[in-house]
PDB file of N, CA and C in Angstrom:
ATOM      1  N   MET A   1     116.211 169.371  92.774  1.00  0.00           N
ATOM      2  CA  MET A   1     115.695 168.152  93.780  1.00  0.00           C
ATOM      3  C   MET A   1     114.771 168.211  94.769  1.00  0.00           C
ATOM      4  N   SER A   2     113.991 167.837  95.484  1.00  0.00           N
ATOM      5  CA  SER A   2     112.822 167.932  96.260  1.00  0.00           C
ATOM      6  C   SER A   2     113.676 167.879  97.525  1.00  0.00           C
ATOM      7  N   PRO A   3     112.981 168.926  98.118  1.00  0.00           N
ATOM      8  CA  PRO A   3     113.187 169.055  99.931  1.00  0.00           C
ATOM      9  C   PRO A   3     112.771 167.567 100.720  1.00  0.00           C
ATOM     10  N   PHE A   4     112.064 167.009  99.948  1.00  0.00           N
ATOM     11  CA  PHE A   4     111.205 165.794 100.623  1.00  0.00           C
ATOM     12  C   PHE A   4     111.793 164.518 100.138  1.00  0.00           C
ATOM     13  N   LYS A   5     113.181 164.701  99.421  1.00  0.00           N
ATOM     14  CA  LYS A   5     113.871 163.708  99.205  1.00  0.00           C
ATOM     15  C   LYS A   5     115.275 163.492  99.803  1.00  0.00           C
ATOM     16  N   GLY A   6     114.920 162.735 101.015  1.00  0.00           N
ATOM     17  CA  GLY A   6     116.360 163.003 102.287  1.00  0.00           C
ATOM     18  C   GLY A   6     117.336 161.926 102.218  1.00  0.00           C
ATOM     19  N   GLN A   7     116.704 160.625 101.744  1.00  0.00           N
ATOM     20  CA  GLN A   7     117.392 159.356 101.758  1.00  0.00           C
ATOM     21  C   GLN A   7     118.111 158.903 100.459  1.00  0.00           C
ATOM     22  N   THR A   8     119.049 158.559 100.704  1.00  0.00           N
ATOM     23  CA  THR A   8     119.630 157.502  99.341  1.00  0.00           C
ATOM     24  C   THR A   8     119.845 156.238  99.799  1.00  0.00           C
ATOM     25  N   GLY A   9     120.485 155.294  98.465  1.00  0.00           N
ATOM     26  CA  GLY A   9     121.231 154.145  99.151  1.00  0.00           C
ATOM     27  C   GLY A   9     119.928 153.395  99.842  1.00  0.00           C
ATOM     28  N   LEU A  10     120.207 152.110 100.623  1.00  0.00           N
ATOM     29  CA  LEU A  10     119.650 151.438 101.554  1.00  0.00           C
ATOM     30  C   LEU A  10     118.316 152.255 102.282  1.00  0.00           C
ATOM     31  N   LYS A  11     118.878 152.939 102.954  1.00  0.00           N
ATOM     32  CA  LYS A  11     117.627 153.301 103.816  1.00  0.00           C
ATOM     33  C   LYS A  11     116.511 154.184 102.870  1.00  0.00           C
ATOM     34  N   ARG A  12     116.875 154.672 101.863  1.00  0.00           N
ATOM     35  CA  ARG A  12     115.495 154.813 100.674  1.00  0.00           C
ATOM     36  C   ARG A  12     114.604 153.912 100.555  1.00  0.00           C
ATOM     37  N   ILE A  13     115.636 152.551 100.376  1.00  0.00           N
ATOM     38  CA  ILE A  13     114.922 151.077  99.451  1.00  0.00           C
ATOM     39  C   ILE A  13     114.032 151.310 100.722  1.00  0.00           C
ATOM     40  N   PHE A  14     114.416 151.262 101.979  1.00  0.00           N
ATOM     41  CA  PHE A  14     114.005 150.684 103.290  1.00  0.00           C
ATOM     42  C   PHE A  14     112.591 151.412 103.692  1.00  0.00           C
ATOM     43  N   ASN A  15     112.935 153.159 103.322  1.00  0.00           N
ATOM     44  CA  ASN A  15     111.758 153.583 103.660  1.00  0.00           C
ATOM     45  C   ASN A  15     110.515 153.786 102.261  1.00  0.00           C
ATOM     46  N   ALA A  16     111.324 153.202 101.259  1.00  0.00           N
ATOM     47  CA  ALA A  16     109.799 153.360 100.080  1.00  0.00           C
ATOM     48  C   ALA A  16     109.360 152.211 100.571  1.00  0.00           C
ATOM     49  N   SER A  17     110.036 150.724 100.797  1.00  0.00           N
ATOM     50  CA  SER A  17     109.017 149.445 101.251  1.00  0.00           C
ATOM     51  C   SER A  17     107.943 149.760 102.340  1.00  0.00           C
ATOM     52  N   GLY A  18     108.572 150.591 103.535  1.00  0.00           N
ATOM     53  CA  GLY A  18     107.329 150.681 104.276  1.00  0.00           C
ATOM     54  C   GLY A  18     106.284 151.450 103.968  1.00  0.00           C
ATOM     55  N   TYR A  19     106.517 152.894 102.968  1.00  0.00           N
ATOM     56  CA  TYR A  19     105.127 153.879 102.248  1.00  0.00           C
ATOM     57  C   TYR A  19     104.766 152.856 101.434  1.00  0.00           C
ATOM     58  N   SER A  20     105.210 151.623 100.909  1.00  0.00           N
ATOM     59  CA  SER A  20     104.267 150.890  99.871  1.00  0.00           C
ATOM     60  C   SER A  20     103.760 149.412 100.772  1.00  0.00           C
ATOM     61  N   LEU A  21     104.192 149.232 102.139  1.00  0.00           N
ATOM     62  CA  LEU A  21     103.346 148.444 102.615  1.00  0.00           C
ATOM     63  C   LEU A  21     102.234 149.100 103.103  1.00  0.00           C
ATOM     64  N   ALA A  22     102.763 150.218 103.871  1.00  0.00           N
ATOM     65  CA  ALA A  22     101.285 151.099 104.045  1.00  0.00           C
ATOM     66  C   ALA A  22     100.313 151.666 103.034  1.00  0.00           C
ATOM     67  N   GLY A  23     100.856 151.695 101.901  1.00  0.00           N
ATOM     68  CA  GLY A  23     100.027 151.765 100.541  1.00  0.00           C
ATOM     69  C   GLY A  23      98.635 150.792 100.725  1.00  0.00           C
ATOM     70  N   LEU A  24      99.359 149.491 100.567  1.00  0.00           N
ATOM     71  CA  LEU A  24      98.698 148.336 100.489  1.00  0.00           C
ATOM     72  C   LEU A  24      97.641 147.899 101.804  1.00  0.00           C
ATOM     73  N   ARG A  25      98.366 148.999 102.793  1.00  0.00           N
ATOM     74  CA  ARG A  25      97.434 148.509 103.766  1.00  0.00           C
ATOM     75  C   ARG A  25      96.132 149.606 103.867  1.00  0.00           C
ATOM     76  N   ALA A  26      96.112 150.666 103.608  1.00  0.00           N
ATOM     77  CA  ALA A  26      95.422 151.597 103.359  1.00  0.00           C
ATOM     78  C   ALA A  26      94.323 151.079 101.972  1.00  0.00           C
ATOM     79  N   ALA A  27      94.994 150.058 101.123  1.00  0.00           N
ATOM     80  CA  ALA A  27      93.943 150.191 100.003  1.00  0.00           C
ATOM     81  C   ALA A  27      93.058 148.457 100.158  1.00  0.00           C
ATOM     82  N   PHE A  28      93.253 147.932 101.269  1.00  0.00           N
ATOM     83  CA  PHE A  28      92.941 146.529 101.840  1.00  0.00           C
ATOM     84  C   PHE A  28      91.593 147.469 102.548  1.00  0.00           C
ATOM     85  N   SER A  29      92.199 148.304 103.647  1.00  0.00           N
ATOM     86  CA  SER A  29      91.236 148.899 104.717  1.00  0.00           C
ATOM     87  C   SER A  29      90.210 149.773 104.094  1.00  0.00           C
ATOM     88  N   GLY A  30      90.407 150.457 103.422  1.00  0.00           N
ATOM     89  CA  GLY A  30      89.427 151.538 102.455  1.00  0.00           C
ATOM     90  C   GLY A  30      89.073 151.194 101.335  1.00  0.00           C
ATOM     91  N   GLU A  31      89.338 150.070 100.612  1.00  0.00           N
ATOM     92  CA  GLU A  31      88.867 150.140  99.380  1.00  0.00           C
ATOM     93  C   GLU A  31      88.334 148.785  99.144  1.00  0.00           C
ATOM     94  N   ALA A  32      87.044 148.556  98.851  1.00  0.00           N
ATOM     95  CA  ALA A  32      86.043 147.121  99.089  1.00  0.00           C
ATOM     96  C   ALA A  32      86.585 147.078  97.257  1.00  0.00           C
ATOM     97  N   ALA A  33      87.175 147.512  96.568  1.00  0.00           N
ATOM     98  CA  ALA A  33      86.993 147.463  94.915  1.00  0.00           C
ATOM     99  C   ALA A  33      88.607 146.181  95.472  1.00  0.00           C
ATOM    100  N   PHE A  34      89.294 146.992  95.810  1.00  0.00           N
ATOM    101  CA  PHE A  34      90.753 146.468  95.963  1.00  0.00           C
ATOM    102  C   PHE A  34      90.851 144.831  96.759  1.00  0.00           C
ATOM    103  N   ARG A  35      89.983 144.891  97.693  1.00  0.00           N
ATOM    104  CA  ARG A  35      89.678 143.740  98.847  1.00  0.00           C
ATOM    105  C   ARG A  35      88.666 142.563  97.680  1.00  0.00           C
ATOM    106  N   GLN A  36      87.917 142.991  96.623  1.00  0.00           N
ATOM    107  CA  GLN A  36      87.292 142.111  96.059  1.00  0.00           C
ATOM    108  C   GLN A  36      88.432 141.541  94.839  1.00  0.00           C
ATOM    109  N   LEU A  37      89.153 142.521  93.974  1.00  0.00           N
ATOM    110  CA  LEU A  37      89.923 141.746  93.476  1.00  0.00           C
ATOM    111  C   LEU A  37      90.732 141.128  93.990  1.00  0.00           C
ATOM    112  N   LEU A  38      91.416 141.569  95.334  1.00  0.00           N
ATOM    113  CA  LEU A  38      92.005 140.524  95.555  1.00  0.00           C
ATOM    114  C   LEU A  38      91.974 139.196  95.989  1.00  0.00           C
ATOM    115  N   LEU A  39      90.464 139.034  96.303  1.00  0.00           N
ATOM    116  CA  LEU A  39      89.732 137.755  96.589  1.00  0.00           C
ATOM    117  C   LEU A  39      89.978 136.970  94.980  1.00  0.00           C
ATOM    118  N   ILE A  40      89.345 137.945  94.153  1.00  0.00           N
ATOM    119  CA  ILE A  40      89.749 137.017  92.323  1.00  0.00           C
ATOM    120  C   ILE A  40      91.080 136.814  92.626  1.00  0.00           C
ATOM    121  N   ASN A  41      92.052 137.750  92.520  1.00  0.00           N
ATOM    122  CA  ASN A  41      93.295 136.884  92.488  1.00  0.00           C
ATOM    123  C   ASN A  41      93.738 135.698  93.120  1.00  0.00           C
ATOM    124  N   LEU A  42      93.234 135.659  94.497  1.00  0.00           N
ATOM    125  CA  LEU A  42      93.294 134.846  95.290  1.00  0.00           C
ATOM    126  C   LEU A  42      92.922 133.220  94.788  1.00  0.00           C
ATOM    127  N   LEU A  43      91.758 133.364  94.180  1.00  0.00           N
ATOM    128  CA  LEU A  43      91.246 132.344  92.958  1.00  0.00           C
ATOM    129  C   LEU A  43      91.859 132.281  91.758  1.00  0.00           C
ATOM    130  N   LEU A  44      92.197 133.146  91.359  1.00  0.00           N
ATOM    131  CA  LEU A  44      92.666 132.960  89.513  1.00  0.00           C
ATOM    132  C   LEU A  44      94.244 132.410  89.848  1.00  0.00           C
ATOM    133  N   ILE A  45      94.953 133.117  90.458  1.00  0.00           N
ATOM    134  CA  ILE A  45      96.413 132.617  90.171  1.00  0.00           C
ATOM    135  C   ILE A  45      96.701 131.607  90.834  1.00  0.00           C
ATOM    136  N   PRO A  46      96.099 130.848  91.635  1.00  0.00           N
ATOM    137  CA  PRO A  46      96.441 129.404  91.803  1.00  0.00           C
ATOM    138  C   PRO A  46      95.603 128.850  90.589  1.00  0.00           C
ATOM    139  N   LEU A  47      94.728 129.030  90.143  1.00  0.00           N
ATOM    140  CA  LEU A  47      93.955 128.252  89.187  1.00  0.00           C
ATOM    141  C   LEU A  47      94.950 128.187  87.916  1.00  0.00           C
ATOM    142  N   ALA A  48      95.448 129.509  87.731  1.00  0.00           N
ATOM    143  CA  ALA A  48      96.550 129.431  86.825  1.00  0.00           C
ATOM    144  C   ALA A  48      97.703 128.500  86.823  1.00  0.00           C
ATOM    145  N   PHE A  49      98.088 128.077  88.026  1.00  0.00           N
ATOM    146  CA  PHE A  49      98.971 127.181  88.094  1.00  0.00           C
ATOM    147  C   PHE A  49      98.217 125.368  88.269  1.00  0.00           C
ATOM    148  N   TYR A  50      97.201 125.236  88.401  1.00  0.00           N
ATOM    149  CA  TYR A  50      96.420 124.125  88.321  1.00  0.00           C
ATOM    150  C   TYR A  50      96.187 123.590  86.574  1.00  0.00           C
ATOM    151  N   LEU A  51      95.985 124.788  85.975  1.00  0.00           N
ATOM    152  CA  LEU A  51      95.501 124.094  84.859  1.00  0.00           C
ATOM    153  C   LEU A  51      96.890 123.540  83.917  1.00  0.00           C
ATOM    154  N   ASP A  52      96.310 122.900  82.805  1.00  0.00           N
ATOM    155  CA  ASP A  52      97.543 122.483  82.098  1.00  0.00           C
ATOM    156  C   ASP A  52      97.893 123.565  80.927  1.00  0.00           C
ATOM    157  N   VAL A  53      98.559 124.100  81.027  1.00  0.00           N
ATOM    158  CA  VAL A  53      98.868 125.698  79.815  1.00  0.00           C
ATOM    159  C   VAL A  53     100.610 125.521  80.044  1.00  0.00           C
ATOM    160  N   SER A  54     100.831 126.008  78.693  1.00  0.00           N
ATOM    161  CA  SER A  54     102.462 126.444  78.725  1.00  0.00           C
ATOM    162  C   SER A  54     102.834 127.490  79.839  1.00  0.00           C
ATOM    163  N   ARG A  55     104.180 127.548  79.929  1.00  0.00           N
ATOM    164  CA  ARG A  55     104.695 128.699  81.181  1.00  0.00           C
ATOM    165  C   ARG A  55     104.354 129.926  80.474  1.00  0.00           C
ATOM    166  N   VAL A  56     104.643 130.223  79.133  1.00  0.00           N
ATOM    167  CA  VAL A  56     104.524 131.731  79.066  1.00  0.00           C
ATOM    168  C   VAL A  56     102.254 131.950  79.125  1.00  0.00           C
ATOM    169  N   GLU A  57     101.859 131.266  79.085  1.00  0.00           N
ATOM    170  CA  GLU A  57     100.214 131.069  78.739  1.00  0.00           C
ATOM    171  C   GLU A  57      99.966 131.475  80.503  1.00  0.00           C
ATOM    172  N   ARG A  58     100.902 130.656  81.261  1.00  0.00           N
ATOM    173  CA  ARG A  58     100.860 130.904  82.849  1.00  0.00           C
ATOM    174  C   ARG A  58     101.044 132.015  83.498  1.00  0.00           C
ATOM    175  N   ALA A  59     102.142 132.731  82.662  1.00  0.00           N
ATOM    176  CA  ALA A  59     102.821 133.827  83.160  1.00  0.00           C
ATOM    177  C   ALA A  59     101.628 135.201  82.408  1.00  0.00           C
ATOM    178  N   LEU A  60     101.178 134.920  81.560  1.00  0.00           N
ATOM    179  CA  LEU A  60     100.235 135.960  80.848  1.00  0.00           C
ATOM    180  C   LEU A  60      98.789 136.088  82.162  1.00  0.00           C
ATOM    181  N   LEU A  61      98.586 134.763  82.431  1.00  0.00           N
ATOM    182  CA  LEU A  61      97.216 134.549  83.149  1.00  0.00           C
ATOM    183  C   LEU A  61      97.408 135.247  84.582  1.00  0.00           C
ATOM    184  N   VAL A  62      98.585 135.226  84.768  1.00  0.00           N
ATOM    185  CA  VAL A  62      98.903 135.772  86.495  1.00  0.00           C
ATOM    186  C   VAL A  62      99.210 137.156  86.175  1.00  0.00           C
ATOM    187  N   ALA A  63      99.752 137.407  85.300  1.00  0.00           N
ATOM    188  CA  ALA A  63     100.212 139.079  84.702  1.00  0.00           C
ATOM    189  C   ALA A  63      98.866 139.812  85.011  1.00  0.00           C
ATOM    190  N   VAL A  64      97.903 139.335  83.958  1.00  0.00           N
ATOM    191  CA  VAL A  64      96.943 140.166  83.899  1.00  0.00           C
ATOM    192  C   VAL A  64      95.922 140.421  84.987  1.00  0.00           C
ATOM    193  N   CYS A  65      96.176 139.186  86.377  1.00  0.00           N
ATOM    194  CA  CYS A  65      95.617 139.176  87.439  1.00  0.00           C
ATOM    195  C   CYS A  65      96.206 140.643  87.769  1.00  0.00           C
ATOM    196  N   LEU A  66      97.531 140.605  88.180  1.00  0.00           N
ATOM    197  CA  LEU A  66      97.706 141.178  88.903  1.00  0.00           C
ATOM    198  C   LEU A  66      98.352 142.780  88.640  1.00  0.00           C
ATOM    199  N   LEU A  67      97.815 142.876  87.069  1.00  0.00           N
ATOM    200  CA  LEU A  67      97.848 144.344  86.264  1.00  0.00           C
ATOM    201  C   LEU A  67      96.647 144.923  87.146  1.00  0.00           C
ATOM    202  N   ALA A  68      95.505 143.869  87.015  1.00  0.00           N
ATOM    203  CA  ALA A  68      94.432 144.776  87.694  1.00  0.00           C
ATOM    204  C   ALA A  68      94.498 145.634  89.022  1.00  0.00           C
ATOM    205  N   LEU A  69      94.985 144.484  89.836  1.00  0.00           N
ATOM    206  CA  LEU A  69      95.346 144.907  91.099  1.00  0.00           C
ATOM    207  C   LEU A  69      96.274 146.344  91.141  1.00  0.00           C
ATOM    208  N   ILE A  70      96.891 146.335  89.999  1.00  0.00           N
ATOM    209  CA  ILE A  70      98.082 147.677  90.095  1.00  0.00           C
ATOM    210  C   ILE A  70      97.354 148.831  89.691  1.00  0.00           C
ATOM    211  N   VAL A  71      96.335 148.587  88.657  1.00  0.00           N
ATOM    212  CA  VAL A  71      95.420 149.653  88.067  1.00  0.00           C
ATOM    213  C   VAL A  71      94.178 150.114  89.276  1.00  0.00           C
ATOM    214  N   GLU A  72      93.981 149.026  90.314  1.00  0.00           N
ATOM    215  CA  GLU A  72      92.992 149.587  91.286  1.00  0.00           C
ATOM    216  C   GLU A  72      93.781 150.399  91.993  1.00  0.00           C
ATOM    217  N   LEU A  73      95.043 150.259  91.994  1.00  0.00           N
ATOM    218  CA  LEU A  73      95.981 150.759  93.094  1.00  0.00           C
ATOM    219  C   LEU A  73      96.235 152.345  92.591  1.00  0.00           C
ATOM    220  N   LEU A  74      96.297 152.395  91.480  1.00  0.00           N
ATOM    221  CA  LEU A  74      96.388 154.058  90.996  1.00  0.00           C
ATOM    222  C   LEU A  74      95.233 154.480  90.917  1.00  0.00           C
ATOM    223  N   ASN A  75      94.072 153.807  90.214  1.00  0.00           N
ATOM    224  CA  ASN A  75      92.792 154.706  90.355  1.00  0.00           C
ATOM    225  C   ASN A  75      92.215 154.894  91.991  1.00  0.00           C
ATOM    226  N   SER A  76      92.612 154.183  92.786  1.00  0.00           N
ATOM    227  CA  SER A  76      92.237 154.556  94.110  1.00  0.00           C
ATOM    228  C   SER A  76      93.242 155.572  94.587  1.00  0.00           C
ATOM    229  N   ALA A  77      94.659 155.938  93.855  1.00  0.00           N
ATOM    230  CA  ALA A  77      95.243 157.101  94.553  1.00  0.00           C
ATOM    231  C   ALA A  77      94.569 158.353  93.612  1.00  0.00           C
ATOM    232  N   VAL A  78      94.489 158.319  92.354  1.00  0.00           N
ATOM    233  CA  VAL A  78      93.529 159.396  91.652  1.00  0.00           C
ATOM    234  C   VAL A  78      92.402 160.143  92.396  1.00  0.00           C
ATOM    235  N   GLU A  79      91.554 158.966  93.050  1.00  0.00           N
ATOM    236  CA  GLU A  79      90.615 159.782  93.773  1.00  0.00           C
ATOM    237  C   GLU A  79      90.618 160.163  95.182  1.00  0.00           C
ATOM    238  N   ALA A  80      91.630 159.138  95.598  1.00  0.00           N
ATOM    239  CA  ALA A  80      91.825 160.366  96.785  1.00  0.00           C
ATOM    240  C   ALA A  80      92.884 161.586  96.614  1.00  0.00           C
ATOM    241  N   ALA A  81      93.535 161.864  95.872  1.00  0.00           N
ATOM    242  CA  ALA A  81      93.948 162.779  95.629  1.00  0.00           C
ATOM    243  C   ALA A  81      92.814 164.047  95.189  1.00  0.00           C
ATOM    244  N   ILE A  82      92.200 163.318  94.219  1.00  0.00           N
ATOM    245  CA  ILE A  82      90.686 164.546  93.701  1.00  0.00           C
ATOM    246  C   ILE A  82      90.359 165.076  94.949  1.00  0.00           C
ATOM    247  N   ASP A  83      89.615 163.800  95.994  1.00  0.00           N
ATOM    248  CA  ASP A  83      88.958 164.109  96.816  1.00  0.00           C
ATOM    249  C   ASP A  83      89.946 164.781  97.854  1.00  0.00           C
ATOM    250  N   ARG A  84      91.213 165.035  97.949  1.00  0.00           N
ATOM    251  CA  ARG A  84      92.024 165.873  98.804  1.00  0.00           C
ATOM    252  C   ARG A  84      91.894 167.229  98.427  1.00  0.00           C
ATOM    253  N   ILE A  85      92.110 167.420  97.193  1.00  0.00           N
ATOM    254  CA  ILE A  85      91.853 168.709  96.691  1.00  0.00           C
ATOM    255  C   ILE A  85      90.851 169.394  96.531  1.00  0.00           C
ATOM    256  N   SER A  86      89.647 168.826  96.546  1.00  0.00           N
ATOM    257  CA  SER A  86      88.251 169.070  96.761  1.00  0.00           C
ATOM    258  C   SER A  86      87.238 168.043  96.866  1.00  0.00           C
ATOM    259  N   LEU A  87      86.535 168.132  97.779  1.00  0.00           N
ATOM    260  CA  LEU A  87      85.230 167.215  97.454  1.00  0.00           C
ATOM    261  C   LEU A  87      84.298 168.076  96.486  1.00  0.00           C
ATOM    262  N   GLU A  88      84.312 169.166  96.121  1.00  0.00           N
ATOM    263  CA  GLU A  88      83.538 170.248  95.193  1.00  0.00           C
ATOM    264  C   GLU A  88      83.122 169.393  94.297  1.00  0.00           C
ATOM    265  N   LEU A  89      81.615 168.866  93.730  1.00  0.00           N
ATOM    266  CA  LEU A  89      81.408 168.611  92.437  1.00  0.00           C
ATOM    267  C   LEU A  89      81.961 169.449  91.102  1.00  0.00           C
ATOM    268  N   HIS A  90      82.671 168.886  90.465  1.00  0.00           N
ATOM    269  CA  HIS A  90      83.627 169.666  89.215  1.00  0.00           C
ATOM    270  C   HIS A  90      84.071 168.893  88.204  1.00  0.00           C
ATOM    271  N   PRO A  91      83.432 169.269  86.872  1.00  0.00           N
ATOM    272  CA  PRO A  91      83.693 168.451  85.796  1.00  0.00           C
ATOM    273  C   PRO A  91      85.166 167.535  85.379  1.00  0.00           C
ATOM    274  N   LEU A  92      86.441 168.396  86.003  1.00  0.00           N
ATOM    275  CA  LEU A  92      87.471 167.963  85.880  1.00  0.00           C
ATOM    276  C   LEU A  92      87.616 166.571  86.714  1.00  0.00           C
ATOM    277  N   SER A  93      87.383 166.613  87.753  1.00  0.00           N
ATOM    278  CA  SER A  93      87.552 165.713  88.741  1.00  0.00           C
ATOM    279  C   SER A  93      86.611 164.644  88.228  1.00  0.00           C
ATOM    280  N   LYS A  94      85.299 164.677  87.685  1.00  0.00           N
ATOM    281  CA  LYS A  94      84.585 163.918  87.262  1.00  0.00           C
ATOM    282  C   LYS A  94      85.046 163.418  86.439  1.00  0.00           C
ATOM    283  N   ASN A  95      85.766 164.152  85.364  1.00  0.00           N
ATOM    284  CA  ASN A  95      86.652 163.253  84.167  1.00  0.00           C
ATOM    285  C   ASN A  95      87.697 162.424  84.922  1.00  0.00           C
ATOM    286  N   ALA A  96      88.421 162.789  85.802  1.00  0.00           N
ATOM    287  CA  ALA A  96      89.628 162.266  86.343  1.00  0.00           C
ATOM    288  C   ALA A  96      89.209 160.642  86.767  1.00  0.00           C
ATOM    289  N   LYS A  97      88.105 161.068  87.615  1.00  0.00           N
ATOM    290  CA  LYS A  97      87.668 159.658  88.273  1.00  0.00           C
ATOM    291  C   LYS A  97      86.954 158.928  87.465  1.00  0.00           C
ATOM    292  N   ASP A  98      86.508 159.034  86.494  1.00  0.00           N
ATOM    293  CA  ASP A  98      85.543 158.389  85.466  1.00  0.00           C
ATOM    294  C   ASP A  98      87.042 157.499  84.400  1.00  0.00           C
ATOM    295  N   MET A  99      87.933 158.173  84.495  1.00  0.00           N
ATOM    296  CA  MET A  99      89.037 157.728  83.387  1.00  0.00           C
ATOM    297  C   MET A  99      89.686 156.674  84.411  1.00  0.00           C
ATOM    298  N   GLY A 100      89.860 156.919  85.548  1.00  0.00           N
ATOM    299  CA  GLY A 100      90.659 155.842  86.010  1.00  0.00           C
ATOM    300  C   GLY A 100      89.754 154.772  86.352  1.00  0.00           C
ATOM    301  N   SER A 101      88.286 154.962  86.415  1.00  0.00           N
ATOM    302  CA  SER A 101      87.323 153.643  86.486  1.00  0.00           C
ATOM    303  C   SER A 101      87.428 153.020  85.312  1.00  0.00           C
ATOM    304  N   ALA A 102      87.781 153.930  84.106  1.00  0.00           N
ATOM    305  CA  ALA A 102      87.582 153.082  82.717  1.00  0.00           C
ATOM    306  C   ALA A 102      88.643 152.188  82.604  1.00  0.00           C
ATOM    307  N   ALA A 103      90.166 152.650  83.435  1.00  0.00           N
ATOM    308  CA  ALA A 103      90.886 152.061  83.146  1.00  0.00           C
ATOM    309  C   ALA A 103      90.837 150.872  84.075  1.00  0.00           C
ATOM    310  N   GLN A 104      90.221 150.787  85.178  1.00  0.00           N
ATOM    311  CA  GLN A 104      89.741 149.164  85.910  1.00  0.00           C
ATOM    312  C   GLN A 104      89.035 148.543  84.865  1.00  0.00           C
ATOM    313  N   PHE A 105      87.854 149.168  84.100  1.00  0.00           N
ATOM    314  CA  PHE A 105      86.947 148.533  83.498  1.00  0.00           C
ATOM    315  C   PHE A 105      87.776 147.614  82.448  1.00  0.00           C
ATOM    316  N   THR A 106      88.417 148.476  81.832  1.00  0.00           N
ATOM    317  CA  THR A 106      89.708 147.878  80.676  1.00  0.00           C
ATOM    318  C   THR A 106      90.418 146.653  81.725  1.00  0.00           C
ATOM    319  N   ALA A 107      91.246 146.657  82.130  1.00  0.00           N
ATOM    320  CA  ALA A 107      92.163 145.858  82.922  1.00  0.00           C
ATOM    321  C   ALA A 107      91.249 144.545  83.419  1.00  0.00           C
ATOM    322  N   LEU A 108      89.768 144.913  83.876  1.00  0.00           N
ATOM    323  CA  LEU A 108      88.792 143.777  84.113  1.00  0.00           C
ATOM    324  C   LEU A 108      88.604 143.066  82.675  1.00  0.00           C
ATOM    325  N   GLY A 109      88.366 143.690  81.662  1.00  0.00           N
ATOM    326  CA  GLY A 109      88.206 143.226  80.353  1.00  0.00           C
ATOM    327  C   GLY A 109      89.261 142.222  79.750  1.00  0.00           C
ATOM    328  N   LEU A 110      90.798 143.085  80.179  1.00  0.00           N
ATOM    329  CA  LEU A 110      91.872 142.270  79.731  1.00  0.00           C
ATOM    330  C   LEU A 110      92.120 140.741  80.553  1.00  0.00           C
ATOM    331  N   ILE A 111      91.632 140.620  81.953  1.00  0.00           N
ATOM    332  CA  ILE A 111      91.587 139.500  82.185  1.00  0.00           C
ATOM    333  C   ILE A 111      90.659 138.432  81.841  1.00  0.00           C
ATOM    334  N   ALA A 112      89.378 139.047  81.367  1.00  0.00           N
ATOM    335  CA  ALA A 112      88.667 138.076  80.715  1.00  0.00           C
ATOM    336  C   ALA A 112      88.838 137.778  79.357  1.00  0.00           C
ATOM    337  N   ALA A 113      89.218 138.618  78.400  1.00  0.00           N
ATOM    338  CA  ALA A 113      90.110 138.226  77.454  1.00  0.00           C
ATOM    339  C   ALA A 113      91.170 137.361  77.100  1.00  0.00           C
ATOM    340  N   VAL A 114      92.230 137.263  77.926  1.00  0.00           N
ATOM    341  CA  VAL A 114      93.434 136.389  78.074  1.00  0.00           C
ATOM    342  C   VAL A 114      92.836 135.037  78.749  1.00  0.00           C
ATOM    343  N   TRP A 115      92.145 135.237  79.817  1.00  0.00           N
ATOM    344  CA  TRP A 115      91.837 133.996  80.275  1.00  0.00           C
ATOM    345  C   TRP A 115      90.980 133.334  79.428  1.00  0.00           C
ATOM    346  N   ALA A 116      90.077 133.916  78.585  1.00  0.00           N
ATOM    347  CA  ALA A 116      89.216 133.304  77.574  1.00  0.00           C
ATOM    348  C   ALA A 116      89.906 132.666  76.664  1.00  0.00           C
ATOM    349  N   ILE A 117      90.748 133.322  75.829  1.00  0.00           N
ATOM    350  CA  ILE A 117      91.734 133.209  74.652  1.00  0.00           C
ATOM    351  C   ILE A 117      92.467 131.762  74.852  1.00  0.00           C
ATOM    352  N   ILE A 118      92.671 131.593  76.279  1.00  0.00           N
ATOM    353  CA  ILE A 118      93.945 130.861  76.620  1.00  0.00           C
ATOM    354  C   ILE A 118      93.153 129.612  76.655  1.00  0.00           C
ATOM    355  N   LEU A 119      92.225 129.485  77.514  1.00  0.00           N
ATOM    356  CA  LEU A 119      91.239 128.460  78.074  1.00  0.00           C
ATOM    357  C   LEU A 119      90.450 127.812  76.740  1.00  0.00           C
ATOM    358  N   LEU A 120      90.063 128.790  75.868  1.00  0.00           N
ATOM    359  CA  LEU A 120      89.001 128.117  74.913  1.00  0.00           C
ATOM    360  C   LEU A 120      89.802 128.389  73.423  1.00  0.00           C
ATOM    361  N   GLY A 121      91.088 128.608  73.362  1.00  0.00           N
ATOM    362  CA  GLY A 121      91.864 128.711  71.943  1.00  0.00           C
ATOM    363  C   GLY A 121      92.267 127.427  72.148  1.00  0.00           C
TER     364      GLY A 121
END
């Protein structure tokens, strides 16, 4: 057991919610890519409810948009952890950051693919 895990039950859920909101605030204030993805989501998600598609298709259209936000949060977390360890240029640090970027690139490609398949298929 970690000495940092002190709470259980509802207190733990309350604390975790606060940490999550702090993470969202940090991403919004410190990450331009997160703000850009949020803007894309604010456009695409309402559009998904406007389109004449099935409920499953609508769920997929929304899910891939939210997935890109999740990937960006994880990518930003990896970058912050790498920078916290050292700002020194190192091949492993570069690989970690590049892989996070590749994950986001793949998530954006997934948005394009799913929306294209549903709208054009």
